[in-house]
Amino acid sequence: MASTLRTLSRSPEAAPVVLVQLLIDIDPEVRKAAARALRHAHELDQQSAALLLQEFIASAAFPEHTDNLFASLDRSTALLPPSAIDLCERYLESAGPELGDIRPPGPLVSRNLVAIVLRLNKPGNESIRCRCLDVIDKLAELGAYGLEGALDQKRL
């Protein structure tokens, strides 16, 4: 099992379905190891990435292991899957005021989250754009780290 987890943490594209199963494992150490593979999610094709996002959002690994996925999505040069907005909304439900906290991991996740929402807002359909604006409003209410600067950059 340990070697499988190491392999998956280095190349999630090899088996997204297996990775999804590991994300819902009853052992927290297995979930943690599987979540490390999410740092490579930006290397997946859009269909595999969308599947992984949806399953991760519903998994027991979600509350504690979002940082790798947000960092990976922020690094992605591909069009983000529409399910990325589900990830952002779900994270906001669970994170709360820590997004405005300047102590790690607050600012790291917050900065990635802001960047992802702003990217989703551009090419999205009207429904996605409305949801993005709702997320931006919530981020503003929470004083999310990096939001003000990112919005200023968008205006330039």
Protein backbone atom coordinates (compact mmCIF):
# COMPACT_ATOMS: atom_id res chain seq x y z
CA MET A 1 0.00 0.00 0.00
CA ALA A 2 2.79 2.44 0.87
CA SER A 3 4.49 2.01 -2.50
CA THR A 4 1.15 2.50 -4.28
CA LEU A 5 0.62 5.74 -2.39
CA ARG A 6 4.13 6.95 -3.21
CA THR A 7 3.54 6.18 -6.89
CA LEU A 8 0.19 7.96 -6.88
CA SER A 9 1.60 10.96 -5.04
CA ARG A 10 4.05 11.39 -7.91
CA SER A 11 1.67 10.66 -10.79
CA PRO A 12 -2.07 10.88 -10.13
CA GLU A 13 -2.81 10.67 -13.85
CA ALA A 14 -1.87 6.99 -13.61
CA ALA A 15 -5.03 6.11 -11.74
CA PRO A 16 -7.54 8.84 -10.81
CA VAL A 17 -10.13 6.22 -9.90
CA VAL A 18 -7.73 4.52 -7.45
CA LEU A 19 -6.76 7.89 -6.02
CA VAL A 20 -10.44 8.71 -5.44
CA GLN A 21 -10.81 5.48 -3.44
CA LEU A 22 -7.78 6.35 -1.33
CA LEU A 23 -9.19 9.81 -0.59
CA ILE A 24 -12.19 8.18 1.11
CA ASP A 25 -10.19 5.57 3.03
CA ILE A 26 -10.97 5.24 6.74
CA ASP A 27 -7.28 5.63 7.65
CA PRO A 28 -6.35 9.33 7.96
CA GLU A 29 -2.74 8.58 6.98
CA VAL A 30 -3.89 6.99 3.72
CA ARG A 31 -6.10 10.02 2.99
CA LYS A 32 -3.20 12.36 3.76
CA ALA A 33 -0.83 10.48 1.44
CA ALA A 34 -3.47 10.38 -1.31
CA ALA A 35 -4.12 14.10 -0.91
CA ARG A 36 -0.43 14.81 -1.56
CA ALA A 37 -0.98 13.51 -5.09
CA LEU A 38 -3.39 16.37 -5.66
CA ARG A 39 -0.44 18.73 -6.07
CA HIS A 40 -0.16 17.22 -9.57
CA ALA A 41 -3.83 17.66 -10.50
CA HIS A 42 -2.90 20.39 -12.99
CA GLU A 43 -1.20 17.66 -15.08
CA LEU A 44 -4.47 15.76 -15.61
CA ASP A 45 -6.75 16.05 -18.61
CA GLN A 46 -9.90 18.07 -17.90
CA GLN A 47 -12.19 15.04 -17.57
CA SER A 48 -9.92 13.32 -15.02
CA ALA A 49 -9.41 16.60 -13.15
CA ALA A 50 -13.18 17.19 -12.98
CA LEU A 51 -13.74 13.66 -11.62
CA LEU A 52 -11.01 14.10 -9.05
CA LEU A 53 -12.37 17.49 -7.93
CA GLN A 54 -15.93 16.22 -7.50
CA GLU A 55 -14.83 13.17 -5.56
CA PHE A 56 -12.36 15.11 -3.42
CA ILE A 57 -15.01 17.66 -2.46
CA ALA A 58 -17.19 14.85 -1.09
CA SER A 59 -14.32 12.96 0.55
CA ALA A 60 -13.21 12.76 4.16
CA ALA A 61 -9.84 14.13 3.03
CA PHE A 62 -11.36 17.46 1.98
CA PRO A 63 -11.37 19.48 5.19
CA GLU A 64 -7.70 18.95 6.05
CA HIS A 65 -6.00 18.57 2.69
CA THR A 66 -7.09 21.31 0.30
CA ASP A 67 -3.83 23.24 0.08
CA ASN A 68 -2.16 20.94 -2.49
CA LEU A 69 -5.18 21.00 -4.77
CA PHE A 70 -5.60 24.78 -4.65
CA ALA A 71 -1.89 25.26 -5.38
CA SER A 72 -2.09 22.85 -8.31
CA LEU A 73 -5.17 24.47 -9.82
CA ASP A 74 -3.54 27.88 -9.47
CA ARG A 75 -0.50 26.53 -11.38
CA SER A 76 -2.62 25.04 -14.14
CA THR A 77 -2.31 26.65 -17.55
CA ALA A 78 -5.33 24.74 -18.87
CA LEU A 79 -8.93 25.85 -18.70
CA LEU A 80 -10.14 25.00 -15.21
CA PRO A 81 -12.99 22.50 -14.97
CA PRO A 82 -16.33 24.09 -14.03
CA SER A 83 -16.33 21.92 -10.89
CA ALA A 84 -13.53 24.12 -9.55
CA ILE A 85 -16.21 26.59 -8.43
CA ASP A 86 -17.78 23.79 -6.36
CA LEU A 87 -14.41 23.33 -4.68
CA CYS A 88 -14.15 27.04 -3.90
CA GLU A 89 -17.68 27.22 -2.51
CA ARG A 90 -17.21 24.13 -0.37
CA TYR A 91 -13.92 25.44 0.98
CA LEU A 92 -15.55 28.72 1.96
CA GLU A 93 -18.19 26.79 3.89
CA SER A 94 -15.53 25.01 5.92
CA ALA A 95 -12.75 27.61 6.20
CA GLY A 96 -14.40 30.76 7.43
CA PRO A 97 -12.34 33.53 9.05
CA GLU A 98 -8.98 31.75 8.64
CA LEU A 99 -8.89 33.09 5.07
CA GLY A 100 -8.16 36.52 6.51
CA ASP A 101 -5.54 35.19 8.92
CA ILE A 102 -1.98 36.05 7.95
CA ARG A 103 -0.58 32.94 9.64
CA PRO A 104 -0.05 29.87 7.41
CA PRO A 105 -1.81 28.15 5.79
CA GLY A 106 -4.43 30.93 5.59
CA PRO A 107 -2.66 33.30 3.21
CA LEU A 108 -1.37 30.52 0.96
CA VAL A 109 -4.74 28.90 0.38
CA SER A 110 -6.49 32.26 0.25
CA ARG A 111 -4.18 33.58 -2.48
CA ASN A 112 -4.68 30.43 -4.58
CA LEU A 113 -8.44 30.48 -4.00
CA VAL A 114 -8.70 34.12 -5.10
CA ALA A 115 -6.67 33.44 -8.26
CA ILE A 116 -8.81 30.42 -9.16
CA VAL A 117 -12.10 32.26 -8.69
CA LEU A 118 -10.91 35.19 -10.80
CA ARG A 119 -9.82 32.79 -13.56
CA LEU A 120 -13.14 30.93 -13.45
CA ASN A 121 -15.01 34.22 -13.68
CA LYS A 122 -13.50 35.08 -17.08
CA PRO A 123 -14.54 32.27 -19.44
CA GLY A 124 -17.44 30.92 -17.40
CA ASN A 125 -21.04 30.89 -18.43
CA GLU A 126 -23.45 33.24 -16.68
CA SER A 127 -24.21 30.76 -13.90
CA ILE A 128 -20.50 30.21 -13.15
CA ARG A 129 -19.83 33.97 -13.22
CA CYS A 130 -22.67 34.60 -10.75
CA ARG A 131 -21.30 31.93 -8.43
CA CYS A 132 -17.81 33.41 -8.75
CA LEU A 133 -19.14 36.83 -7.78
CA ASP A 134 -20.88 35.29 -4.76
CA VAL A 135 -17.58 33.68 -3.73
CA ILE A 136 -15.75 36.99 -4.21
CA ASP A 137 -18.36 38.72 -2.02
CA LYS A 138 -17.88 36.10 0.69
CA LEU A 139 -14.09 36.41 0.43
CA ALA A 140 -14.45 40.18 0.86
CA GLU A 141 -16.65 39.69 3.94
CA LEU A 142 -14.01 37.40 5.45
CA GLY A 143 -11.18 39.79 4.61
CA ALA A 144 -9.48 37.07 2.57
CA TYR A 145 -5.77 37.59 2.21
CA GLY A 146 -4.79 38.68 -1.29
CA LEU A 147 -8.27 39.56 -2.56
CA GLU A 148 -7.85 43.32 -2.61
CA GLY A 149 -4.52 43.17 -4.44
CA ALA A 150 -5.82 40.64 -6.97
CA LEU A 151 -8.87 42.78 -7.72
CA ASP A 152 -6.64 45.85 -8.13
CA GLN A 153 -4.49 43.89 -10.60
CA LYS A 154 -7.60 42.91 -12.59
CA ARG A 155 -8.57 46.57 -12.90
CA LEU A 156 -5.21 47.60 -14.41
